Amino acid sequence: MSGKTLPEQITSLLPGVAAGDALGVPVEFKPRGSFRVTGMQGYGAHNQPPGTWLDDTSLALCLADSLSHGFDLRGIARNFVRWYDEGAFTARGGMFDISISTAKALRRLKSGVAPEEAGCPGADENGNGSLMRIAPLVFYIAAQPCVERFQITKVVSSITHAHAWSVAACYIYLEYLLELLAGTVKTAAYTKLREGFQDSFPCLDDDTLAKFGRILRDDISALPESAIRSGGFVIDTLEASFWCFLTTDTCHDAVLKAVNLGDDTDTTAAVTGALAGLYYGADAIPADWRRTLAQKDTILRIAGGLAKAGRMPDK
């Protein structure tokens, strides 16, 4: 919220992603209503110790680490490949969770395909794999005009997910994060987001915008939980994260609400955690969550590098 410095905002977003991711890992794929998470726990779905985060956080760290040296699409892609091949940017020293679409895109990168052309372009390739890692980009695009923000978001999403719906989901999410970054109260920020997209908007075609009607035309926060879907489809994840953030008053409640929606628990909570971490601040993330996080010093080091870089100059 207002009053926080840019470095404080940067160093609260990444722990928010990681905390949400780690809270969701043990119950990933479990149906809604079959469990209730109230705090950090371990084992379960992936048989990992408490505080273990997966690809959501790994790829967000890859992006943040690269951005701390300036915007370089090939550098971002190289970090993704390092994660895939070497287990870099992982919680426990190895990569053991990856979506089919992301794996396909990274194999294309390794074969020499350009990063902006590596991502899966099909309508059936709209998992949430680019949305889950895109949040750190908000600090780079903050001073860019609208069309440039969209183009940068498009190429970064397209490293793994190139379809218009995935790109649009990332863009809408970042536009909301930008309002929060500016210190706007979250409900007012949501109103501004909707008003902005309801005016003439050059970057997204009408058919694509229509897919996001529950966020941009209607009020997603007014829907009951039964209307919120929490699987891996990118639009469902965006809707669920907005809903969890807008219908709660603390970071703790927002992230746990996301986890307890079930199904793709880690990603829904990671995307929500970025919103809540940025908005409420690092101190609002429960201390026991932060203490339990795997590689917490690495998360803070990478966040600190991005904070030190601030808004990187254009290349």
C-alpha atoms as a PDB file:
ATOM      1  CA  MET A   1       0.000   0.000   0.000  1.00  0.00           C
ATOM      2  CA  SER A   2       1.030   3.662  -0.121  1.00  0.00           C
ATOM      3  CA  GLY A   3       4.009   4.625   2.050  1.00  0.00           C
ATOM      4  CA  LYS A   4       6.152   1.643   1.065  1.00  0.00           C
ATOM      5  CA  THR A   5       9.323   2.266  -0.897  1.00  0.00           C
ATOM      6  CA  LEU A   6      10.040   0.490  -4.171  1.00  0.00           C
ATOM      7  CA  PRO A   7      12.728  -1.722  -2.569  1.00  0.00           C
ATOM      8  CA  GLU A   8      10.249  -2.723   0.144  1.00  0.00           C
ATOM      9  CA  GLN A   9       7.651  -3.602  -2.481  1.00  0.00           C
ATOM     10  CA  ILE A  10      10.131  -5.667  -4.474  1.00  0.00           C
ATOM     11  CA  THR A  11      11.309  -7.577  -1.418  1.00  0.00           C
ATOM     12  CA  SER A  12       7.744  -8.378  -0.341  1.00  0.00           C
ATOM     13  CA  LEU A  13       6.457  -9.667  -3.692  1.00  0.00           C
ATOM     14  CA  LEU A  14       8.822 -12.616  -4.111  1.00  0.00           C
ATOM     15  CA  PRO A  15       8.347 -13.993  -0.582  1.00  0.00           C
ATOM     16  CA  GLY A  16       4.605 -13.691  -1.215  1.00  0.00           C
ATOM     17  CA  VAL A  17       4.927 -15.856  -4.310  1.00  0.00           C
ATOM     18  CA  ALA A  18       7.072 -18.423  -2.492  1.00  0.00           C
ATOM     19  CA  ALA A  19       4.850 -18.590   0.592  1.00  0.00           C
ATOM     20  CA  GLY A  20       1.732 -19.178  -1.488  1.00  0.00           C
ATOM     21  CA  ASP A  21       3.492 -21.777  -3.602  1.00  0.00           C
ATOM     22  CA  ALA A  22       4.828 -23.660  -0.557  1.00  0.00           C
ATOM     23  CA  LEU A  23       1.481 -23.618   1.249  1.00  0.00           C
ATOM     24  CA  GLY A  24      -0.191 -25.159  -1.774  1.00  0.00           C
ATOM     25  CA  VAL A  25       2.383 -27.848  -2.577  1.00  0.00           C
ATOM     26  CA  PRO A  26       1.270 -30.546  -0.107  1.00  0.00           C
ATOM     27  CA  VAL A  27      -2.371 -30.409  -1.259  1.00  0.00           C
ATOM     28  CA  GLU A  28      -1.861 -29.853  -4.989  1.00  0.00           C
ATOM     29  CA  PHE A  29      -4.565 -31.564  -7.075  1.00  0.00           C
ATOM     30  CA  LYS A  30      -6.800 -32.274  -4.075  1.00  0.00           C
ATOM     31  CA  PRO A  31     -10.457 -31.367  -4.696  1.00  0.00           C
ATOM     32  CA  ARG A  32     -12.064 -28.451  -2.913  1.00  0.00           C
ATOM     33  CA  GLY A  33     -13.635 -29.404   0.388  1.00  0.00           C
ATOM     34  CA  SER A  34     -11.503 -32.511   0.901  1.00  0.00           C
ATOM     35  CA  PHE A  35      -8.946 -30.712   3.130  1.00  0.00           C
ATOM     36  CA  ARG A  36      -8.361 -27.519   5.098  1.00  0.00           C
ATOM     37  CA  VAL A  37      -4.940 -25.845   5.244  1.00  0.00           C
ATOM     38  CA  THR A  38      -4.386 -23.442   8.132  1.00  0.00           C
ATOM     39  CA  GLY A  39      -0.611 -23.028   7.988  1.00  0.00           C
ATOM     40  CA  MET A  40       2.657 -24.258   6.538  1.00  0.00           C
ATOM     41  CA  GLN A  41       2.841 -28.035   6.329  1.00  0.00           C
ATOM     42  CA  GLY A  42       4.805 -30.621   4.403  1.00  0.00           C
ATOM     43  CA  TYR A  43       4.803 -33.927   2.548  1.00  0.00           C
ATOM     44  CA  GLY A  44       1.428 -34.754   1.007  1.00  0.00           C
ATOM     45  CA  ALA A  45       1.200 -34.538  -2.778  1.00  0.00           C
ATOM     46  CA  HIS A  46       4.928 -34.233  -3.491  1.00  0.00           C
ATOM     47  CA  ASN A  47       6.322 -35.733  -0.264  1.00  0.00           C
ATOM     48  CA  GLN A  48       8.430 -32.644   0.423  1.00  0.00           C
ATOM     49  CA  PRO A  49       9.340 -30.989   3.745  1.00  0.00           C
ATOM     50  CA  PRO A  50       7.410 -27.896   4.884  1.00  0.00           C
ATOM     51  CA  GLY A  51       8.370 -24.721   3.057  1.00  0.00           C
ATOM     52  CA  THR A  52       9.166 -26.414  -0.258  1.00  0.00           C
ATOM     53  CA  TRP A  53       8.138 -24.424  -3.301  1.00  0.00           C
ATOM     54  CA  LEU A  54       7.978 -25.594  -6.890  1.00  0.00           C
ATOM     55  CA  ASP A  55       8.188 -24.255 -10.433  1.00  0.00           C
ATOM     56  CA  ASP A  56       6.032 -21.183  -9.765  1.00  0.00           C
ATOM     57  CA  THR A  57       8.652 -19.677  -7.483  1.00  0.00           C
ATOM     58  CA  SER A  58      11.621 -21.103  -9.377  1.00  0.00           C
ATOM     59  CA  LEU A  59      10.614 -19.431 -12.627  1.00  0.00           C
ATOM     60  CA  ALA A  60       9.705 -16.168 -10.883  1.00  0.00           C
ATOM     61  CA  LEU A  61      13.199 -16.189  -9.359  1.00  0.00           C
ATOM     62  CA  CYS A  62      14.692 -16.911 -12.789  1.00  0.00           C
ATOM     63  CA  LEU A  63      12.922 -13.848 -14.151  1.00  0.00           C
ATOM     64  CA  ALA A  64      13.781 -11.611 -11.192  1.00  0.00           C
ATOM     65  CA  ASP A  65      17.437 -12.631 -11.248  1.00  0.00           C
ATOM     66  CA  SER A  66      17.727 -11.826 -14.950  1.00  0.00           C
ATOM     67  CA  LEU A  67      15.906  -8.498 -14.578  1.00  0.00           C
ATOM     68  CA  SER A  68      18.354  -7.432 -11.876  1.00  0.00           C
ATOM     69  CA  HIS A  69      20.935  -7.210 -14.681  1.00  0.00           C
ATOM     70  CA  GLY A  70      18.621  -5.417 -17.142  1.00  0.00           C
ATOM     71  CA  PHE A  71      16.013  -6.608 -19.590  1.00  0.00           C
ATOM     72  CA  ASP A  72      17.426  -9.392 -21.763  1.00  0.00           C
ATOM     73  CA  LEU A  73      14.950 -11.920 -23.145  1.00  0.00           C
ATOM     74  CA  ARG A  74      17.694 -14.401 -23.931  1.00  0.00           C
ATOM     75  CA  GLY A  75      19.033 -14.010 -20.400  1.00  0.00           C
ATOM     76  CA  ILE A  76      15.609 -14.851 -18.977  1.00  0.00           C
ATOM     77  CA  ALA A  77      15.408 -17.876 -21.260  1.00  0.00           C
ATOM     78  CA  ARG A  78      18.900 -18.995 -20.216  1.00  0.00           C
ATOM     79  CA  ASN A  79      17.845 -18.937 -16.575  1.00  0.00           C
ATOM     80  CA  PHE A  80      14.800 -21.037 -17.417  1.00  0.00           C
ATOM     81  CA  VAL A  81      17.023 -23.590 -19.133  1.00  0.00           C
ATOM     82  CA  ARG A  82      19.421 -23.595 -16.169  1.00  0.00           C
ATOM     83  CA  TRP A  83      16.478 -24.429 -13.929  1.00  0.00           C
ATOM     84  CA  TYR A  84      15.382 -27.191 -16.310  1.00  0.00           C
ATOM     85  CA  ASP A  85      18.832 -28.721 -16.864  1.00  0.00           C
ATOM     86  CA  GLU A  86      20.752 -27.987 -13.672  1.00  0.00           C
ATOM     87  CA  GLY A  87      18.167 -27.502 -10.928  1.00  0.00           C
ATOM     88  CA  ALA A  88      19.167 -23.849 -10.513  1.00  0.00           C
ATOM     89  CA  PHE A  89      16.704 -21.642  -8.625  1.00  0.00           C
ATOM     90  CA  THR A  90      15.082 -24.627  -6.908  1.00  0.00           C
ATOM     91  CA  ALA A  91      14.057 -25.210  -3.302  1.00  0.00           C
ATOM     92  CA  ARG A  92      15.875 -28.504  -2.764  1.00  0.00           C
ATOM     93  CA  GLY A  93      18.517 -28.611  -5.484  1.00  0.00           C
ATOM     94  CA  GLY A  94      16.534 -30.317  -8.201  1.00  0.00           C
ATOM     95  CA  MET A  95      13.677 -29.652 -10.613  1.00  0.00           C
ATOM     96  CA  PHE A  96      10.855 -32.152 -10.145  1.00  0.00           C
ATOM     97  CA  ASP A  97       7.690 -30.352 -11.233  1.00  0.00           C
ATOM     98  CA  ILE A  98       7.064 -28.911 -14.699  1.00  0.00           C
ATOM     99  CA  SER A  99       4.027 -28.542 -16.934  1.00  0.00           C
ATOM    100  CA  ILE A 100       3.838 -30.223 -20.327  1.00  0.00           C
ATOM    101  CA  SER A 101       3.666 -26.880 -22.155  1.00  0.00           C
ATOM    102  CA  THR A 102       6.627 -25.403 -20.289  1.00  0.00           C
ATOM    103  CA  ALA A 103       8.732 -28.520 -20.876  1.00  0.00           C
ATOM    104  CA  LYS A 104       7.880 -28.415 -24.573  1.00  0.00           C
ATOM    105  CA  ALA A 105       8.851 -24.745 -24.825  1.00  0.00           C
ATOM    106  CA  LEU A 106      12.149 -25.251 -22.998  1.00  0.00           C
ATOM    107  CA  ARG A 107      13.070 -28.126 -25.282  1.00  0.00           C
ATOM    108  CA  ARG A 108      12.430 -25.789 -28.203  1.00  0.00           C
ATOM    109  CA  LEU A 109      14.692 -23.184 -26.597  1.00  0.00           C
ATOM    110  CA  LYS A 110      17.434 -25.761 -26.207  1.00  0.00           C
ATOM    111  CA  SER A 111      17.122 -26.676 -29.885  1.00  0.00           C
ATOM    112  CA  GLY A 112      17.880 -23.075 -30.848  1.00  0.00           C
ATOM    113  CA  VAL A 113      14.409 -21.546 -31.242  1.00  0.00           C
ATOM    114  CA  ALA A 114      14.334 -17.833 -30.330  1.00  0.00           C
ATOM    115  CA  PRO A 115      12.785 -17.141 -26.900  1.00  0.00           C
ATOM    116  CA  GLU A 116       9.910 -15.092 -28.289  1.00  0.00           C
ATOM    117  CA  GLU A 117       9.002 -17.983 -30.606  1.00  0.00           C
ATOM    118  CA  ALA A 118       9.493 -20.904 -28.207  1.00  0.00           C
ATOM    119  CA  GLY A 119       6.181 -20.769 -26.387  1.00  0.00           C
ATOM    120  CA  CYS A 120       3.192 -22.945 -27.157  1.00  0.00           C
ATOM    121  CA  PRO A 121       0.743 -20.994 -29.378  1.00  0.00           C
ATOM    122  CA  GLY A 122      -2.322 -23.246 -29.377  1.00  0.00           C
ATOM    123  CA  ALA A 123      -5.637 -22.520 -27.676  1.00  0.00           C
ATOM    124  CA  ASP A 124      -5.260 -25.826 -25.840  1.00  0.00           C
ATOM    125  CA  GLU A 125      -1.901 -24.652 -24.408  1.00  0.00           C
ATOM    126  CA  ASN A 126      -3.328 -22.042 -22.028  1.00  0.00           C
ATOM    127  CA  GLY A 127      -2.172 -23.402 -18.723  1.00  0.00           C
ATOM    128  CA  ASN A 128      -1.075 -20.908 -16.089  1.00  0.00           C
ATOM    129  CA  GLY A 129       2.649 -21.454 -16.607  1.00  0.00           C
ATOM    130  CA  SER A 130       3.522 -17.912 -17.675  1.00  0.00           C
ATOM    131  CA  LEU A 131       1.077 -16.162 -15.329  1.00  0.00           C
ATOM    132  CA  MET A 132       2.556 -17.898 -12.295  1.00  0.00           C
ATOM    133  CA  ARG A 133       6.032 -16.408 -12.879  1.00  0.00           C
ATOM    134  CA  ILE A 134       5.300 -13.023 -14.480  1.00  0.00           C
ATOM    135  CA  ALA A 135       4.883 -10.827 -11.361  1.00  0.00           C
ATOM    136  CA  PRO A 136       8.511  -9.592 -11.034  1.00  0.00           C
ATOM    137  CA  LEU A 137       8.177  -7.984 -14.471  1.00  0.00           C
ATOM    138  CA  VAL A 138       5.954  -5.294 -12.945  1.00  0.00           C
ATOM    139  CA  PHE A 139       9.014  -3.479 -11.610  1.00  0.00           C
ATOM    140  CA  TYR A 140      10.582  -3.246 -15.053  1.00  0.00           C
ATOM    141  CA  ILE A 141       7.540  -2.079 -17.012  1.00  0.00           C
ATOM    142  CA  ALA A 142       6.329   0.461 -14.449  1.00  0.00           C
ATOM    143  CA  ALA A 143       7.595   3.516 -16.344  1.00  0.00           C
ATOM    144  CA  GLN A 144       6.732   2.235 -19.817  1.00  0.00           C
ATOM    145  CA  PRO A 145       3.756   3.444 -21.902  1.00  0.00           C
ATOM    146  CA  CYS A 146       0.786   1.120 -22.342  1.00  0.00           C
ATOM    147  CA  VAL A 147       1.696  -0.395 -25.716  1.00  0.00           C
ATOM    148  CA  GLU A 148       5.299  -0.989 -24.682  1.00  0.00           C
ATOM    149  CA  ARG A 149       4.151  -2.662 -21.454  1.00  0.00           C
ATOM    150  CA  PHE A 150       2.033  -5.008 -23.508  1.00  0.00           C
ATOM    151  CA  GLN A 151       4.806  -5.856 -25.964  1.00  0.00           C
ATOM    152  CA  ILE A 152       7.291  -6.618 -23.186  1.00  0.00           C
ATOM    153  CA  THR A 153       4.729  -8.761 -21.378  1.00  0.00           C
ATOM    154  CA  LYS A 154       3.938 -10.587 -24.604  1.00  0.00           C
ATOM    155  CA  VAL A 155       7.507 -11.635 -25.330  1.00  0.00           C
ATOM    156  CA  VAL A 156       8.192 -12.687 -21.728  1.00  0.00           C
ATOM    157  CA  SER A 157       5.013 -14.781 -21.595  1.00  0.00           C
ATOM    158  CA  SER A 158       5.765 -16.208 -25.034  1.00  0.00           C
ATOM    159  CA  ILE A 159       8.956 -17.886 -23.878  1.00  0.00           C
ATOM    160  CA  THR A 160       6.627 -20.643 -22.677  1.00  0.00           C
ATOM    161  CA  HIS A 161       3.017 -19.570 -23.421  1.00  0.00           C
ATOM    162  CA  ALA A 162       2.366 -17.606 -26.583  1.00  0.00           C
ATOM    163  CA  HIS A 163      -1.404 -17.822 -27.068  1.00  0.00           C
ATOM    164  CA  ALA A 164      -3.356 -14.558 -26.847  1.00  0.00           C
ATOM    165  CA  TRP A 165      -5.259 -15.648 -23.731  1.00  0.00           C
ATOM    166  CA  SER A 166      -2.085 -16.388 -21.764  1.00  0.00           C
ATOM    167  CA  VAL A 167      -0.503 -13.124 -22.864  1.00  0.00           C
ATOM    168  CA  ALA A 168      -3.661 -11.189 -21.975  1.00  0.00           C
ATOM    169  CA  ALA A 169      -3.901 -12.825 -18.552  1.00  0.00           C
ATOM    170  CA  CYS A 170      -0.312 -11.824 -17.781  1.00  0.00           C
ATOM    171  CA  TYR A 171      -0.937  -8.303 -19.021  1.00  0.00           C
ATOM    172  CA  ILE A 172      -4.150  -7.772 -17.036  1.00  0.00           C
ATOM    173  CA  TYR A 173      -2.458  -9.148 -13.921  1.00  0.00           C
ATOM    174  CA  LEU A 174       0.533  -6.842 -14.319  1.00  0.00           C
ATOM    175  CA  GLU A 175      -1.709  -3.844 -14.925  1.00  0.00           C
ATOM    176  CA  TYR A 176      -3.424  -4.536 -11.613  1.00  0.00           C
ATOM    177  CA  LEU A 177      -0.068  -4.984  -9.882  1.00  0.00           C
ATOM    178  CA  LEU A 178       0.986  -1.622 -11.323  1.00  0.00           C
ATOM    179  CA  GLU A 179      -1.984   0.071  -9.668  1.00  0.00           C
ATOM    180  CA  LEU A 180      -1.079  -1.560  -6.363  1.00  0.00           C
ATOM    181  CA  LEU A 181       2.562  -0.576  -6.863  1.00  0.00           C
ATOM    182  CA  ALA A 182       1.419   3.046  -7.181  1.00  0.00           C
ATOM    183  CA  GLY A 183      -0.181   2.817  -3.738  1.00  0.00           C
ATOM    184  CA  THR A 184      -3.799   2.663  -4.855  1.00  0.00           C
ATOM    185  CA  VAL A 185      -6.199   0.972  -2.419  1.00  0.00           C
ATOM    186  CA  LYS A 186      -6.956  -2.465  -3.825  1.00  0.00           C
ATOM    187  CA  THR A 187     -10.674  -1.919  -4.463  1.00  0.00           C
ATOM    188  CA  ALA A 188     -10.018   1.423  -6.155  1.00  0.00           C
ATOM    189  CA  ALA A 189      -7.195  -0.173  -8.131  1.00  0.00           C
ATOM    190  CA  TYR A 190      -9.607  -2.841  -9.353  1.00  0.00           C
ATOM    191  CA  THR A 191     -12.115  -0.186 -10.390  1.00  0.00           C
ATOM    192  CA  LYS A 192      -9.414   1.691 -12.311  1.00  0.00           C
ATOM    193  CA  LEU A 193      -8.324  -1.528 -14.008  1.00  0.00           C
ATOM    194  CA  ARG A 194     -11.857  -2.269 -15.198  1.00  0.00           C
ATOM    195  CA  GLU A 195     -12.477   1.280 -16.351  1.00  0.00           C
ATOM    196  CA  GLY A 196      -9.220   1.299 -18.298  1.00  0.00           C
ATOM    197  CA  PHE A 197     -10.091  -1.822 -20.244  1.00  0.00           C
ATOM    198  CA  GLN A 198     -13.675  -0.730 -20.880  1.00  0.00           C
ATOM    199  CA  ASP A 199     -12.410   2.346 -22.726  1.00  0.00           C
ATOM    200  CA  SER A 200     -10.864   2.048 -26.172  1.00  0.00           C
ATOM    201  CA  PHE A 201      -7.977  -0.349 -25.713  1.00  0.00           C
ATOM    202  CA  PRO A 202      -5.449  -0.950 -28.487  1.00  0.00           C
ATOM    203  CA  CYS A 203      -3.537  -4.021 -27.325  1.00  0.00           C
ATOM    204  CA  LEU A 204      -6.187  -6.717 -26.983  1.00  0.00           C
ATOM    205  CA  ASP A 205      -8.813  -7.594 -29.562  1.00  0.00           C
ATOM    206  CA  ASP A 206     -12.481  -7.774 -28.623  1.00  0.00           C
ATOM    207  CA  ASP A 207     -12.622 -11.571 -28.741  1.00  0.00           C
ATOM    208  CA  THR A 208      -9.724 -11.867 -26.320  1.00  0.00           C
ATOM    209  CA  LEU A 209     -11.134  -9.208 -23.981  1.00  0.00           C
ATOM    210  CA  ALA A 210     -14.438 -11.059 -23.928  1.00  0.00           C
ATOM    211  CA  LYS A 211     -12.717 -14.071 -22.359  1.00  0.00           C
ATOM    212  CA  PHE A 212     -11.955 -11.885 -19.329  1.00  0.00           C
ATOM    213  CA  GLY A 213     -15.450 -10.484 -18.902  1.00  0.00           C
ATOM    214  CA  ARG A 214     -15.878 -11.757 -15.352  1.00  0.00           C
ATOM    215  CA  ILE A 215     -12.885  -9.654 -14.309  1.00  0.00           C
ATOM    216  CA  LEU A 216     -13.080  -6.646 -16.637  1.00  0.00           C
ATOM    217  CA  ARG A 217     -16.798  -6.208 -17.312  1.00  0.00           C
ATOM    218  CA  ASP A 218     -18.288  -7.655 -14.145  1.00  0.00           C
ATOM    219  CA  ASP A 219     -17.026  -7.636 -10.560  1.00  0.00           C
ATOM    220  CA  ILE A 220     -15.209 -10.894  -9.835  1.00  0.00           C
ATOM    221  CA  SER A 221     -15.302 -10.210  -6.099  1.00  0.00           C
ATOM    222  CA  ALA A 222     -19.109 -10.338  -6.066  1.00  0.00           C
ATOM    223  CA  LEU A 223     -19.213 -13.981  -7.111  1.00  0.00           C
ATOM    224  CA  PRO A 224     -19.698 -16.809  -4.603  1.00  0.00           C
ATOM    225  CA  GLU A 225     -16.947 -19.353  -4.066  1.00  0.00           C
ATOM    226  CA  SER A 226     -18.957 -21.936  -5.988  1.00  0.00           C
ATOM    227  CA  ALA A 227     -18.534 -19.820  -9.143  1.00  0.00           C
ATOM    228  CA  ILE A 228     -14.726 -19.654  -8.823  1.00  0.00           C
ATOM    229  CA  ARG A 229     -12.740 -22.290 -10.683  1.00  0.00           C
ATOM    230  CA  SER A 230      -9.259 -23.219  -9.472  1.00  0.00           C
ATOM    231  CA  GLY A 231      -7.780 -25.576 -12.040  1.00  0.00           C
ATOM    232  CA  GLY A 232      -4.799 -24.940 -14.272  1.00  0.00           C
ATOM    233  CA  PHE A 233      -6.514 -22.916 -17.036  1.00  0.00           C
ATOM    234  CA  VAL A 234      -4.874 -19.494 -17.079  1.00  0.00           C
ATOM    235  CA  ILE A 235      -8.102 -17.470 -16.991  1.00  0.00           C
ATOM    236  CA  ASP A 236      -9.414 -19.521 -14.071  1.00  0.00           C
ATOM    237  CA  THR A 237      -6.205 -18.860 -12.143  1.00  0.00           C
ATOM    238  CA  LEU A 238      -6.374 -15.128 -12.807  1.00  0.00           C
ATOM    239  CA  GLU A 239     -10.005 -14.974 -11.707  1.00  0.00           C
ATOM    240  CA  ALA A 240      -9.353 -17.029  -8.589  1.00  0.00           C
ATOM    241  CA  SER A 241      -6.373 -14.916  -7.514  1.00  0.00           C
ATOM    242  CA  PHE A 242      -8.288 -11.665  -7.949  1.00  0.00           C
ATOM    243  CA  TRP A 243     -11.235 -13.139  -6.045  1.00  0.00           C
ATOM    244  CA  CYS A 244      -9.112 -14.337  -3.122  1.00  0.00           C
ATOM    245  CA  PHE A 245      -7.257 -11.029  -2.874  1.00  0.00           C
ATOM    246  CA  LEU A 246     -10.342  -8.823  -3.151  1.00  0.00           C
ATOM    247  CA  THR A 247     -12.510 -10.793  -0.734  1.00  0.00           C
ATOM    248  CA  THR A 248     -10.034 -10.846   2.157  1.00  0.00           C
ATOM    249  CA  ASP A 249      -8.310  -8.225   4.296  1.00  0.00           C
ATOM    250  CA  THR A 250      -4.907  -9.747   5.085  1.00  0.00           C
ATOM    251  CA  CYS A 251      -2.107 -11.526   3.307  1.00  0.00           C
ATOM    252  CA  HIS A 252      -2.642 -14.548   5.551  1.00  0.00           C
ATOM    253  CA  ASP A 253      -6.323 -14.852   4.666  1.00  0.00           C
ATOM    254  CA  ALA A 254      -5.888 -14.190   0.942  1.00  0.00           C
ATOM    255  CA  VAL A 255      -3.240 -16.859   0.455  1.00  0.00           C
ATOM    256  CA  LEU A 256      -4.966 -19.501   2.567  1.00  0.00           C
ATOM    257  CA  LYS A 257      -8.233 -18.826   0.770  1.00  0.00           C
ATOM    258  CA  ALA A 258      -6.420 -19.506  -2.501  1.00  0.00           C
ATOM    259  CA  VAL A 259      -4.939 -22.773  -1.242  1.00  0.00           C
ATOM    260  CA  ASN A 260      -8.247 -23.989   0.097  1.00  0.00           C
ATOM    261  CA  LEU A 261      -9.949 -23.571  -3.260  1.00  0.00           C
ATOM    262  CA  GLY A 262      -8.291 -26.867  -4.133  1.00  0.00           C
ATOM    263  CA  ASP A 263      -6.995 -28.315  -7.417  1.00  0.00           C
ATOM    264  CA  ASP A 264      -4.045 -26.209  -8.665  1.00  0.00           C
ATOM    265  CA  THR A 265      -3.405 -25.010  -5.135  1.00  0.00           C
ATOM    266  CA  ASP A 266       0.229 -23.956  -5.397  1.00  0.00           C
ATOM    267  CA  THR A 267      -0.194 -21.793  -8.479  1.00  0.00           C
ATOM    268  CA  THR A 268      -3.439 -20.143  -7.390  1.00  0.00           C
ATOM    269  CA  ALA A 269      -1.784 -19.295  -4.079  1.00  0.00           C
ATOM    270  CA  ALA A 270       1.493 -18.137  -5.677  1.00  0.00           C
ATOM    271  CA  VAL A 271      -0.342 -15.735  -8.023  1.00  0.00           C
ATOM    272  CA  THR A 272      -2.441 -14.507  -5.091  1.00  0.00           C
ATOM    273  CA  GLY A 273       0.679 -14.294  -2.930  1.00  0.00           C
ATOM    274  CA  ALA A 274       2.330 -11.823  -5.290  1.00  0.00           C
ATOM    275  CA  LEU A 275      -0.695  -9.516  -5.045  1.00  0.00           C
ATOM    276  CA  ALA A 276      -0.919  -9.844  -1.279  1.00  0.00           C
ATOM    277  CA  GLY A 277       2.828  -9.624  -0.689  1.00  0.00           C
ATOM    278  CA  LEU A 278       3.156  -6.442  -2.730  1.00  0.00           C
ATOM    279  CA  TYR A 279       0.066  -4.846  -1.220  1.00  0.00           C
ATOM    280  CA  TYR A 280       0.399  -5.721   2.461  1.00  0.00           C
ATOM    281  CA  GLY A 281       4.187  -5.913   2.706  1.00  0.00           C
ATOM    282  CA  ALA A 282       6.698  -8.519   3.864  1.00  0.00           C
ATOM    283  CA  ASP A 283       5.854  -8.082   7.537  1.00  0.00           C
ATOM    284  CA  ALA A 284       2.260  -9.109   6.771  1.00  0.00           C
ATOM    285  CA  ILE A 285       3.427 -12.525   5.595  1.00  0.00           C
ATOM    286  CA  PRO A 286       3.220 -14.627   8.788  1.00  0.00           C
ATOM    287  CA  ALA A 287       6.635 -14.961  10.383  1.00  0.00           C
ATOM    288  CA  ASP A 288       6.417 -18.735  10.662  1.00  0.00           C
ATOM    289  CA  TRP A 289       5.733 -18.970   6.925  1.00  0.00           C
ATOM    290  CA  ARG A 290       8.791 -16.861   6.172  1.00  0.00           C
ATOM    291  CA  ARG A 291      11.000 -18.826   8.566  1.00  0.00           C
ATOM    292  CA  THR A 292       9.919 -22.159   7.089  1.00  0.00           C
ATOM    293  CA  LEU A 293      10.511 -21.256   3.440  1.00  0.00           C
ATOM    294  CA  ALA A 294      13.230 -23.249   1.744  1.00  0.00           C
ATOM    295  CA  GLN A 295      16.097 -21.129   0.411  1.00  0.00           C
ATOM    296  CA  LYS A 296      14.682 -18.023   2.076  1.00  0.00           C
ATOM    297  CA  ASP A 297      18.078 -16.323   1.939  1.00  0.00           C
ATOM    298  CA  THR A 298      18.263 -16.966  -1.811  1.00  0.00           C
ATOM    299  CA  ILE A 299      14.778 -15.492  -2.292  1.00  0.00           C
ATOM    300  CA  LEU A 300      15.771 -12.375  -0.344  1.00  0.00           C
ATOM    301  CA  ARG A 301      19.113 -12.122  -2.158  1.00  0.00           C
ATOM    302  CA  ILE A 302      17.453 -12.190  -5.575  1.00  0.00           C
ATOM    303  CA  ALA A 303      14.763  -9.774  -4.402  1.00  0.00           C
ATOM    304  CA  GLY A 304      17.483  -7.522  -3.054  1.00  0.00           C
ATOM    305  CA  GLY A 305      19.325  -7.576  -6.377  1.00  0.00           C
ATOM    306  CA  LEU A 306      16.154  -6.576  -8.188  1.00  0.00           C
ATOM    307  CA  ALA A 307      15.497  -3.881  -5.604  1.00  0.00           C
ATOM    308  CA  LYS A 308      19.008  -2.514  -6.017  1.00  0.00           C
ATOM    309  CA  ALA A 309      18.567  -2.386  -9.778  1.00  0.00           C
ATOM    310  CA  GLY A 310      15.238  -0.593  -9.425  1.00  0.00           C
ATOM    311  CA  ARG A 311      13.678   0.379 -12.751  1.00  0.00           C
ATOM    312  CA  MET A 312      16.258  -0.739 -15.285  1.00  0.00           C
ATOM    313  CA  PRO A 313      17.104   1.536 -18.212  1.00  0.00           C
ATOM    314  CA  ASP A 314      15.842   0.697 -21.691  1.00  0.00           C
ATOM    315  CA  LYS A 315      18.194  -1.171 -23.981  1.00  0.00           C
END
